[in-house]
Amino acid sequence: EYAVGLARRYPDRNFIGVDIKGARMWSGATEALKEGLTNVAFLRT
């Protein structure tokens, strides 16, 4: 939620959300994809 929320607010920055829990990360990653946000990525590690 925070990575996606910050990406919306700050289009002049790039955001990467990092976590090992892929099932949780899916929510933000799916939301970012549907909204077409190009300044946010996710790293599962």
All heavy atoms as atom14 arrays in JSON, in Angstrom:
{
  "sequence": "EYAVGLARRYPDRNFIGVDIKGARMWSGATEALKEGLTNVAFLRT",
  "atom14_mask": [
    [1, 1, 1, 1, 1, 1, 1, 1, 1, 0, 0, 0, 0, 0],
    [1, 1, 1, 1, 1, 1, 1, 1, 1, 1, 1, 1, 0, 0],
    [1, 1, 1, 1, 1, 0, 0, 0, 0, 0, 0, 0, 0, 0],
    [1, 1, 1, 1, 1, 1, 1, 0, 0, 0, 0, 0, 0, 0],
    [1, 1, 1, 1, 0, 0, 0, 0, 0, 0, 0, 0, 0, 0],
    [1, 1, 1, 1, 1, 1, 1, 1, 0, 0, 0, 0, 0, 0],
    [1, 1, 1, 1, 1, 0, 0, 0, 0, 0, 0, 0, 0, 0],
    [1, 1, 1, 1, 1, 1, 1, 1, 1, 1, 1, 0, 0, 0],
    [1, 1, 1, 1, 1, 1, 1, 1, 1, 1, 1, 0, 0, 0],
    [1, 1, 1, 1, 1, 1, 1, 1, 1, 1, 1, 1, 0, 0],
    [1, 1, 1, 1, 1, 1, 1, 0, 0, 0, 0, 0, 0, 0],
    [1, 1, 1, 1, 1, 1, 1, 1, 0, 0, 0, 0, 0, 0],
    [1, 1, 1, 1, 1, 1, 1, 1, 1, 1, 1, 0, 0, 0],
    [1, 1, 1, 1, 1, 1, 1, 1, 0, 0, 0, 0, 0, 0],
    [1, 1, 1, 1, 1, 1, 1, 1, 1, 1, 1, 0, 0, 0],
    [1, 1, 1, 1, 1, 1, 1, 1, 0, 0, 0, 0, 0, 0],
    [1, 1, 1, 1, 0, 0, 0, 0, 0, 0, 0, 0, 0, 0],
    [1, 1, 1, 1, 1, 1, 1, 0, 0, 0, 0, 0, 0, 0],
    [1, 1, 1, 1, 1, 1, 1, 1, 0, 0, 0, 0, 0, 0],
    [1, 1, 1, 1, 1, 1, 1, 1, 0, 0, 0, 0, 0, 0],
    [1, 1, 1, 1, 1, 1, 1, 1, 1, 0, 0, 0, 0, 0],
    [1, 1, 1, 1, 0, 0, 0, 0, 0, 0, 0, 0, 0, 0],
    [1, 1, 1, 1, 1, 0, 0, 0, 0, 0, 0, 0, 0, 0],
    [1, 1, 1, 1, 1, 1, 1, 1, 1, 1, 1, 0, 0, 0],
    [1, 1, 1, 1, 1, 1, 1, 1, 0, 0, 0, 0, 0, 0],
    [1, 1, 1, 1, 1, 1, 1, 1, 1, 1, 1, 1, 1, 1],
    [1, 1, 1, 1, 1, 1, 0, 0, 0, 0, 0, 0, 0, 0],
    [1, 1, 1, 1, 0, 0, 0, 0, 0, 0, 0, 0, 0, 0],
    [1, 1, 1, 1, 1, 0, 0, 0, 0, 0, 0, 0, 0, 0],
    [1, 1, 1, 1, 1, 1, 1, 0, 0, 0, 0, 0, 0, 0],
    [1, 1, 1, 1, 1, 1, 1, 1, 1, 0, 0, 0, 0, 0],
    [1, 1, 1, 1, 1, 0, 0, 0, 0, 0, 0, 0, 0, 0],
    [1, 1, 1, 1, 1, 1, 1, 1, 0, 0, 0, 0, 0, 0],
    [1, 1, 1, 1, 1, 1, 1, 1, 1, 0, 0, 0, 0, 0],
    [1, 1, 1, 1, 1, 1, 1, 1, 1, 0, 0, 0, 0, 0],
    [1, 1, 1, 1, 0, 0, 0, 0, 0, 0, 0, 0, 0, 0],
    [1, 1, 1, 1, 1, 1, 1, 1, 0, 0, 0, 0, 0, 0],
    [1, 1, 1, 1, 1, 1, 1, 0, 0, 0, 0, 0, 0, 0],
    [1, 1, 1, 1, 1, 1, 1, 1, 0, 0, 0, 0, 0, 0],
    [1, 1, 1, 1, 1, 1, 1, 0, 0, 0, 0, 0, 0, 0],
    [1, 1, 1, 1, 1, 0, 0, 0, 0, 0, 0, 0, 0, 0],
    [1, 1, 1, 1, 1, 1, 1, 1, 1, 1, 1, 0, 0, 0],
    [1, 1, 1, 1, 1, 1, 1, 1, 0, 0, 0, 0, 0, 0],
    [1, 1, 1, 1, 1, 1, 1, 1, 1, 1, 1, 0, 0, 0],
    [1, 1, 1, 1, 1, 1, 1, 0, 0, 0, 0, 0, 0, 0]
  ],
  "atom14_positions": [
    [[0.82, -1.21, 0.0], [0.0, 0.0, 0.0], [0.85, 1.27, 0.0], [0.51, 2.25, -0.66], [-0.93, 0.05, 1.23], [-1.84, -1.14, 1.41], [-1.34, -2.04, 2.5], [-0.12, -2.34, 2.52], [-2.15, -2.44, 3.35], [0.0, 0.0, 0.0], [0.0, 0.0, 0.0], [0.0, 0.0, 0.0], [0.0, 0.0, 0.0], [0.0, 0.0, 0.0]],
    [[1.94, 1.24, 0.77], [2.74, 2.46, 0.88], [3.51, 2.73, -0.4], [3.57, 3.87, -0.87], [3.69, 2.36, 2.08], [3.73, 3.64, 2.87], [2.71, 3.94, 3.76], [4.75, 4.57, 2.7], [2.72, 5.14, 4.47], [4.77, 5.75, 3.41], [3.76, 6.03, 4.29], [3.76, 7.22, 4.97], [0.0, 0.0, 0.0], [0.0, 0.0, 0.0]],
    [[4.1, 1.7, -0.98], [4.85, 1.88, -2.23], [3.94, 2.41, -3.33], [4.3, 3.34, -4.06], [5.48, 0.55, -2.65], [0.0, 0.0, 0.0], [0.0, 0.0, 0.0], [0.0, 0.0, 0.0], [0.0, 0.0, 0.0], [0.0, 0.0, 0.0], [0.0, 0.0, 0.0], [0.0, 0.0, 0.0], [0.0, 0.0, 0.0], [0.0, 0.0, 0.0]],
    [[2.74, 1.85, -3.44], [1.8, 2.29, -4.47], [1.29, 3.69, -4.16], [1.19, 4.55, -5.04], [0.62, 1.3, -4.58], [-0.47, 1.84, -5.51], [1.11, -0.05, -5.11], [0.0, 0.0, 0.0], [0.0, 0.0, 0.0], [0.0, 0.0, 0.0], [0.0, 0.0, 0.0], [0.0, 0.0, 0.0], [0.0, 0.0, 0.0], [0.0, 0.0, 0.0]],
    [[0.99, 3.95, -2.88], [0.5, 5.27, -2.49], [1.52, 6.36, -2.75], [1.19, 7.45, -3.24], [0.0, 0.0, 0.0], [0.0, 0.0, 0.0], [0.0, 0.0, 0.0], [0.0, 0.0, 0.0], [0.0, 0.0, 0.0], [0.0, 0.0, 0.0], [0.0, 0.0, 0.0], [0.0, 0.0, 0.0], [0.0, 0.0, 0.0], [0.0, 0.0, 0.0]],
    [[2.78, 6.09, -2.44], [3.84, 7.06, -2.69], [4.06, 7.25, -4.19], [4.33, 8.37, -4.65], [5.13, 6.61, -2.02], [5.18, 6.69, -0.49], [6.42, 6.01, 0.05], [5.12, 8.14, -0.01], [0.0, 0.0, 0.0], [0.0, 0.0, 0.0], [0.0, 0.0, 0.0], [0.0, 0.0, 0.0], [0.0, 0.0, 0.0], [0.0, 0.0, 0.0]],
    [[3.94, 6.16, -4.95], [4.12, 6.26, -6.4], [3.06, 7.17, -7.02], [3.35, 7.93, -7.96], [4.07, 4.87, -7.03], [0.0, 0.0, 0.0], [0.0, 0.0, 0.0], [0.0, 0.0, 0.0], [0.0, 0.0, 0.0], [0.0, 0.0, 0.0], [0.0, 0.0, 0.0], [0.0, 0.0, 0.0], [0.0, 0.0, 0.0], [0.0, 0.0, 0.0]],
    [[1.86, 7.11, -6.5], [0.79, 7.99, -6.99], [1.11, 9.44, -6.66], [0.94, 10.33, -7.49], [-0.55, 7.62, -6.33], [-1.14, 6.29, -6.73], [-2.58, 6.22, -6.24], [-3.11, 4.87, -6.32], [-3.32, 4.08, -5.29], [-3.0, 4.5, -4.06], [-3.83, 2.88, -5.44], [0.0, 0.0, 0.0], [0.0, 0.0, 0.0], [0.0, 0.0, 0.0]],
    [[1.57, 9.68, -5.45], [1.78, 11.05, -4.99], [3.03, 11.68, -5.59], [3.06, 12.89, -5.85], [1.87, 11.08, -3.46], [2.14, 12.48, -2.9], [2.01, 12.52, -1.41], [2.41, 13.81, -0.88], [1.64, 14.89, -0.83], [0.41, 14.82, -1.28], [2.09, 16.02, -0.32], [0.0, 0.0, 0.0], [0.0, 0.0, 0.0], [0.0, 0.0, 0.0]],
    [[4.06, 10.87, -5.82], [5.34, 11.4, -6.3], [5.72, 10.77, -7.64], [6.55, 9.86, -7.7], [6.44, 11.13, -5.27], [6.2, 11.79, -3.94], [5.72, 11.05, -2.86], [6.43, 13.15, -3.76], [5.49, 11.65, -1.63], [6.2, 13.76, -2.53], [5.73, 13.0, -1.47], [5.51, 13.6, -0.26], [0.0, 0.0, 0.0], [0.0, 0.0, 0.0]],
    [[5.14, 11.24, -8.74], [5.47, 10.68, -10.06], [6.9, 10.96, -10.5], [7.38, 10.34, -11.45], [4.46, 11.37, -10.99], [4.09, 12.64, -10.29], [4.11, 12.31, -8.83], [0.0, 0.0, 0.0], [0.0, 0.0, 0.0], [0.0, 0.0, 0.0], [0.0, 0.0, 0.0], [0.0, 0.0, 0.0], [0.0, 0.0, 0.0], [0.0, 0.0, 0.0]],
    [[7.58, 11.87, -9.79], [8.96, 12.19, -10.15], [9.96, 11.37, -9.33], [11.14, 11.7, -9.26], [9.22, 13.68, -9.94], [8.96, 14.14, -8.52], [8.28, 13.4, -7.77], [9.41, 15.24, -8.15], [0.0, 0.0, 0.0], [0.0, 0.0, 0.0], [0.0, 0.0, 0.0], [0.0, 0.0, 0.0], [0.0, 0.0, 0.0], [0.0, 0.0, 0.0]],
    [[9.5, 10.29, -8.71], [10.37, 9.35, -8.01], [10.01, 7.93, -8.42], [8.89, 7.66, -8.83], [10.25, 9.48, -6.49], [10.76, 10.77, -5.93], [10.81, 10.69, -4.41], [11.01, 12.01, -3.86], [10.03, 12.86, -3.62], [8.79, 12.52, -3.87], [10.28, 14.06, -3.13], [0.0, 0.0, 0.0], [0.0, 0.0, 0.0], [0.0, 0.0, 0.0]],
    [[10.95, 7.03, -8.24], [10.73, 5.62, -8.52], [10.67, 4.86, -7.21], [11.52, 5.07, -6.33], [11.86, 5.07, -9.4], [12.01, 5.82, -10.71], [11.02, 6.09, -11.39], [13.24, 6.16, -11.06], [0.0, 0.0, 0.0], [0.0, 0.0, 0.0], [0.0, 0.0, 0.0], [0.0, 0.0, 0.0], [0.0, 0.0, 0.0], [0.0, 0.0, 0.0]],
    [[9.72, 3.94, -7.08], [9.53, 3.2, -5.83], [9.62, 1.7, -6.08], [9.11, 1.19, -7.08], [8.18, 3.56, -5.21], [8.08, 5.0, -4.82], [7.6, 5.94, -5.73], [8.49, 5.44, -3.58], [7.51, 7.28, -5.4], [8.42, 6.78, -3.24], [7.94, 7.71, -4.15], [0.0, 0.0, 0.0], [0.0, 0.0, 0.0], [0.0, 0.0, 0.0]],
    [[10.25, 1.01, -5.14], [10.36, -0.45, -5.22], [9.95, -1.03, -3.86], [10.59, -0.75, -2.84], [11.79, -0.88, -5.57], [12.25, -0.25, -6.89], [11.87, -2.42, -5.66], [13.7, -0.54, -7.23], [0.0, 0.0, 0.0], [0.0, 0.0, 0.0], [0.0, 0.0, 0.0], [0.0, 0.0, 0.0], [0.0, 0.0, 0.0], [0.0, 0.0, 0.0]],
    [[8.9, -1.83, -3.86], [8.46, -2.52, -2.65], [9.16, -3.86, -2.56], [9.2, -4.61, -3.53], [0.0, 0.0, 0.0], [0.0, 0.0, 0.0], [0.0, 0.0, 0.0], [0.0, 0.0, 0.0], [0.0, 0.0, 0.0], [0.0, 0.0, 0.0], [0.0, 0.0, 0.0], [0.0, 0.0, 0.0], [0.0, 0.0, 0.0], [0.0, 0.0, 0.0]],
    [[9.71, -4.16, -1.38], [10.48, -5.39, -1.18], [9.88, -6.21, -0.05], [9.63, -5.68, 1.04], [11.95, -5.07, -0.86], [12.76, -6.36, -0.72], [12.56, -4.16, -1.91], [0.0, 0.0, 0.0], [0.0, 0.0, 0.0], [0.0, 0.0, 0.0], [0.0, 0.0, 0.0], [0.0, 0.0, 0.0], [0.0, 0.0, 0.0], [0.0, 0.0, 0.0]],
    [[9.65, -7.49, -0.31], [9.13, -8.39, 0.72], [9.34, -9.81, 0.23], [9.53, -10.04, -0.97], [7.65, -8.14, 0.99], [7.24, -8.5, 2.41], [7.48, -9.66, 2.82], [6.69, -7.65, 3.12], [0.0, 0.0, 0.0], [0.0, 0.0, 0.0], [0.0, 0.0, 0.0], [0.0, 0.0, 0.0], [0.0, 0.0, 0.0], [0.0, 0.0, 0.0]],
    [[9.3, -10.77, 1.14], [9.42, -12.18, 0.75], [8.05, -12.82, 0.6], [7.92, -13.87, -0.02], [10.28, -12.96, 1.78], [10.66, -14.34, 1.22], [9.57, -13.06, 3.12], [11.45, -14.33, -0.06], [0.0, 0.0, 0.0], [0.0, 0.0, 0.0], [0.0, 0.0, 0.0], [0.0, 0.0, 0.0], [0.0, 0.0, 0.0], [0.0, 0.0, 0.0]],
    [[7.01, -12.18, 1.13], [5.66, -12.74, 1.08], [4.98, -12.36, -0.23], [4.36, -11.3, -0.35], [4.84, -12.24, 2.27], [5.43, -12.59, 3.63], [5.34, -14.08, 3.92], [5.78, -14.39, 5.35], [5.7, -15.82, 5.67], [0.0, 0.0, 0.0], [0.0, 0.0, 0.0], [0.0, 0.0, 0.0], [0.0, 0.0, 0.0], [0.0, 0.0, 0.0]],
    [[5.05, -13.23, -1.21], [4.51, -12.93, -2.52], [3.01, -12.8, -2.56], [2.46, -11.97, -3.29], [0.0, 0.0, 0.0], [0.0, 0.0, 0.0], [0.0, 0.0, 0.0], [0.0, 0.0, 0.0], [0.0, 0.0, 0.0], [0.0, 0.0, 0.0], [0.0, 0.0, 0.0], [0.0, 0.0, 0.0], [0.0, 0.0, 0.0], [0.0, 0.0, 0.0]],
    [[2.3, -13.61, -1.77], [0.83, -13.56, -1.78], [0.32, -12.22, -1.28], [-0.7, -11.72, -1.75], [0.26, -14.7, -0.93], [0.0, 0.0, 0.0], [0.0, 0.0, 0.0], [0.0, 0.0, 0.0], [0.0, 0.0, 0.0], [0.0, 0.0, 0.0], [0.0, 0.0, 0.0], [0.0, 0.0, 0.0], [0.0, 0.0, 0.0], [0.0, 0.0, 0.0]],
    [[1.03, -11.62, -0.32], [0.64, -10.29, 0.17], [1.0, -9.23, -0.87], [0.21, -8.34, -1.18], [1.36, -9.97, 1.47], [0.95, -10.83, 2.66], [1.74, -10.4, 3.89], [1.51, -11.27, 5.03], [2.16, -11.18, 6.18], [3.09, -10.25, 6.33], [1.91, -12.01, 7.17], [0.0, 0.0, 0.0], [0.0, 0.0, 0.0], [0.0, 0.0, 0.0]],
    [[2.19, -9.32, -1.41], [2.68, -8.35, -2.38], [1.78, -8.28, -3.61], [1.69, -7.25, -4.28], [4.1, -8.73, -2.79], [4.79, -7.75, -3.71], [6.41, -8.38, -4.22], [7.32, -8.27, -2.68], [0.0, 0.0, 0.0], [0.0, 0.0, 0.0], [0.0, 0.0, 0.0], [0.0, 0.0, 0.0], [0.0, 0.0, 0.0], [0.0, 0.0, 0.0]],
    [[1.11, -9.36, -3.93], [0.24, -9.44, -5.09], [-0.78, -8.3, -5.12], [-1.07, -7.76, -6.18], [-0.49, -10.79, -5.09], [-1.53, -10.95, -6.16], [-1.34, -11.4, -7.44], [-2.92, -10.65, -6.05], [-2.53, -11.43, -8.13], [-3.52, -10.96, -7.3], [-3.74, -10.16, -5.03], [-4.88, -10.79, -7.55], [-5.09, -9.99, -5.27], [-5.65, -10.3, -6.51]],
    [[-1.3, -7.91, -3.97], [-2.32, -6.86, -3.91], [-1.79, -5.55, -4.48], [-2.41, -4.94, -5.36], [-2.78, -6.65, -2.46], [-3.39, -7.82, -1.95], [0.0, 0.0, 0.0], [0.0, 0.0, 0.0], [0.0, 0.0, 0.0], [0.0, 0.0, 0.0], [0.0, 0.0, 0.0], [0.0, 0.0, 0.0], [0.0, 0.0, 0.0], [0.0, 0.0, 0.0]],
    [[-0.65, -5.08, -3.98], [-0.09, -3.83, -4.46], [0.38, -3.93, -5.89], [0.2, -2.99, -6.68], [0.0, 0.0, 0.0], [0.0, 0.0, 0.0], [0.0, 0.0, 0.0], [0.0, 0.0, 0.0], [0.0, 0.0, 0.0], [0.0, 0.0, 0.0], [0.0, 0.0, 0.0], [0.0, 0.0, 0.0], [0.0, 0.0, 0.0], [0.0, 0.0, 0.0]],
    [[0.99, -5.07, -6.24], [1.49, -5.25, -7.6], [0.35, -5.24, -8.61], [0.46, -4.64, -9.69], [2.27, -6.55, -7.69], [0.0, 0.0, 0.0], [0.0, 0.0, 0.0], [0.0, 0.0, 0.0], [0.0, 0.0, 0.0], [0.0, 0.0, 0.0], [0.0, 0.0, 0.0], [0.0, 0.0, 0.0], [0.0, 0.0, 0.0], [0.0, 0.0, 0.0]],
    [[-0.76, -5.87, -8.24], [-1.93, -5.9, -9.13], [-2.55, -4.52, -9.27], [-2.93, -4.09, -10.37], [-2.98, -6.91, -8.6], [-2.39, -8.21, -8.53], [-4.2, -6.96, -9.51], [0.0, 0.0, 0.0], [0.0, 0.0, 0.0], [0.0, 0.0, 0.0], [0.0, 0.0, 0.0], [0.0, 0.0, 0.0], [0.0, 0.0, 0.0], [0.0, 0.0, 0.0]],
    [[-2.63, -3.81, -8.16], [-3.19, -2.46, -8.18], [-2.36, -1.53, -9.05], [-2.89, -0.76, -9.86], [-3.27, -1.92, -6.75], [-4.09, -0.66, -6.59], [-4.29, -0.28, -5.14], [-3.89, -1.06, -4.25], [-4.85, 0.8, -4.89], [0.0, 0.0, 0.0], [0.0, 0.0, 0.0], [0.0, 0.0, 0.0], [0.0, 0.0, 0.0], [0.0, 0.0, 0.0]],
    [[-1.04, -1.61, -8.91], [-0.14, -0.76, -9.71], [-0.28, -1.08, -11.19], [-0.27, -0.17, -12.04], [1.3, -0.97, -9.26], [0.0, 0.0, 0.0], [0.0, 0.0, 0.0], [0.0, 0.0, 0.0], [0.0, 0.0, 0.0], [0.0, 0.0, 0.0], [0.0, 0.0, 0.0], [0.0, 0.0, 0.0], [0.0, 0.0, 0.0], [0.0, 0.0, 0.0]],
    [[-0.43, -2.36, -11.52], [-0.56, -2.77, -12.92], [-1.86, -2.25, -13.51], [-1.88, -1.72, -14.64], [-0.51, -4.29, -13.02], [-0.47, -4.87, -14.44], [0.82, -4.47, -15.14], [-0.59, -6.4, -14.39], [0.0, 0.0, 0.0], [0.0, 0.0, 0.0], [0.0, 0.0, 0.0], [0.0, 0.0, 0.0], [0.0, 0.0, 0.0], [0.0, 0.0, 0.0]],
    [[-2.95, -2.38, -12.77], [-4.25, -1.92, -13.26], [-4.28, -0.41, -13.47], [-4.94, 0.08, -14.38], [-5.35, -2.34, -12.28], [-5.65, -3.84, -12.28], [-6.74, -4.19, -11.29], [-7.07, -5.68, -11.33], [-8.12, -6.05, -10.34], [0.0, 0.0, 0.0], [0.0, 0.0, 0.0], [0.0, 0.0, 0.0], [0.0, 0.0, 0.0], [0.0, 0.0, 0.0]],
    [[-3.56, 0.32, -12.6], [-3.54, 1.78, -12.72], [-2.52, 2.28, -13.72], [-2.47, 3.47, -14.03], [-3.25, 2.4, -11.34], [-4.36, 2.19, -10.33], [-4.11, 2.97, -9.04], [-3.37, 3.98, -9.1], [-4.64, 2.55, -8.0], [0.0, 0.0, 0.0], [0.0, 0.0, 0.0], [0.0, 0.0, 0.0], [0.0, 0.0, 0.0], [0.0, 0.0, 0.0]],
    [[-1.69, 1.38, -14.22], [-0.69, 1.78, -15.19], [0.44, 2.62, -14.6], [1.04, 3.44, -15.31], [0.0, 0.0, 0.0], [0.0, 0.0, 0.0], [0.0, 0.0, 0.0], [0.0, 0.0, 0.0], [0.0, 0.0, 0.0], [0.0, 0.0, 0.0], [0.0, 0.0, 0.0], [0.0, 0.0, 0.0], [0.0, 0.0, 0.0], [0.0, 0.0, 0.0]],
    [[0.75, 2.41, -13.33], [1.83, 3.15, -12.69], [3.17, 2.63, -13.2], [3.49, 1.45, -13.04], [1.76, 3.0, -11.16], [0.52, 3.6, -10.48], [0.51, 3.24, -9.0], [0.48, 5.11, -10.67], [0.0, 0.0, 0.0], [0.0, 0.0, 0.0], [0.0, 0.0, 0.0], [0.0, 0.0, 0.0], [0.0, 0.0, 0.0], [0.0, 0.0, 0.0]],
    [[3.96, 3.5, -13.78], [5.25, 3.09, -14.34], [6.42, 3.4, -13.43], [7.57, 3.1, -13.78], [5.46, 3.77, -15.71], [5.45, 5.19, -15.53], [4.39, 3.36, -16.69], [0.0, 0.0, 0.0], [0.0, 0.0, 0.0], [0.0, 0.0, 0.0], [0.0, 0.0, 0.0], [0.0, 0.0, 0.0], [0.0, 0.0, 0.0], [0.0, 0.0, 0.0]],
    [[6.16, 4.01, -12.28], [7.24, 4.39, -11.36], [7.25, 3.53, -10.11], [7.75, 3.95, -9.06], [7.14, 5.87, -10.99], [5.88, 6.2, -10.21], [4.83, 5.58, -10.42], [5.97, 7.18, -9.32], [0.0, 0.0, 0.0], [0.0, 0.0, 0.0], [0.0, 0.0, 0.0], [0.0, 0.0, 0.0], [0.0, 0.0, 0.0], [0.0, 0.0, 0.0]],
    [[6.7, 2.32, -10.19], [6.73, 1.43, -9.04], [6.99, 0.01, -9.51], [6.48, -0.44, -10.54], [5.41, 1.5, -8.23], [4.21, 1.1, -9.07], [5.49, 0.65, -6.98], [0.0, 0.0, 0.0], [0.0, 0.0, 0.0], [0.0, 0.0, 0.0], [0.0, 0.0, 0.0], [0.0, 0.0, 0.0], [0.0, 0.0, 0.0], [0.0, 0.0, 0.0]],
    [[7.85, -0.69, -8.76], [8.18, -2.09, -9.04], [8.16, -2.85, -7.72], [8.11, -2.25, -6.63], [9.55, -2.2, -9.7], [0.0, 0.0, 0.0], [0.0, 0.0, 0.0], [0.0, 0.0, 0.0], [0.0, 0.0, 0.0], [0.0, 0.0, 0.0], [0.0, 0.0, 0.0], [0.0, 0.0, 0.0], [0.0, 0.0, 0.0], [0.0, 0.0, 0.0]],
    [[8.21, -4.17, -7.81], [8.22, -5.01, -6.61], [9.3, -6.06, -6.74], [9.5, -6.65, -7.81], [6.85, -5.67, -6.4], [5.79, -4.69, -5.99], [5.04, -4.03, -6.95], [5.55, -4.41, -4.66], [4.07, -3.11, -6.58], [4.58, -3.5, -4.28], [3.84, -2.84, -5.24], [0.0, 0.0, 0.0], [0.0, 0.0, 0.0], [0.0, 0.0, 0.0]],
    [[10.0, -6.29, -5.63], [11.08, -7.26, -5.59], [10.79, -8.26, -4.47], [10.75, -7.88, -3.3], [12.41, -6.55, -5.34], [13.65, -7.41, -5.09], [13.96, -8.27, -6.31], [14.86, -6.53, -4.73], [0.0, 0.0, 0.0], [0.0, 0.0, 0.0], [0.0, 0.0, 0.0], [0.0, 0.0, 0.0], [0.0, 0.0, 0.0], [0.0, 0.0, 0.0]],
    [[10.56, -9.52, -4.84], [10.31, -10.54, -3.83], [11.61, -11.24, -3.49], [12.15, -12.01, -4.29], [9.27, -11.56, -4.3], [8.82, -12.5, -3.17], [7.68, -13.4, -3.6], [8.13, -14.52, -4.39], [8.6, -15.68, -3.88], [8.7, -15.83, -2.56], [8.97, -16.65, -4.68], [0.0, 0.0, 0.0], [0.0, 0.0, 0.0], [0.0, 0.0, 0.0]],
    [[12.12, -10.93, -2.32], [13.37, -11.53, -1.87], [13.5, -11.37, -0.36], [12.68, -10.71, 0.28], [14.59, -10.89, -2.57], [15.74, -11.7, -2.35], [14.86, -9.47, -2.06], [0.0, 0.0, 0.0], [0.0, 0.0, 0.0], [0.0, 0.0, 0.0], [0.0, 0.0, 0.0], [0.0, 0.0, 0.0], [0.0, 0.0, 0.0], [0.0, 0.0, 0.0]]
  ]
}
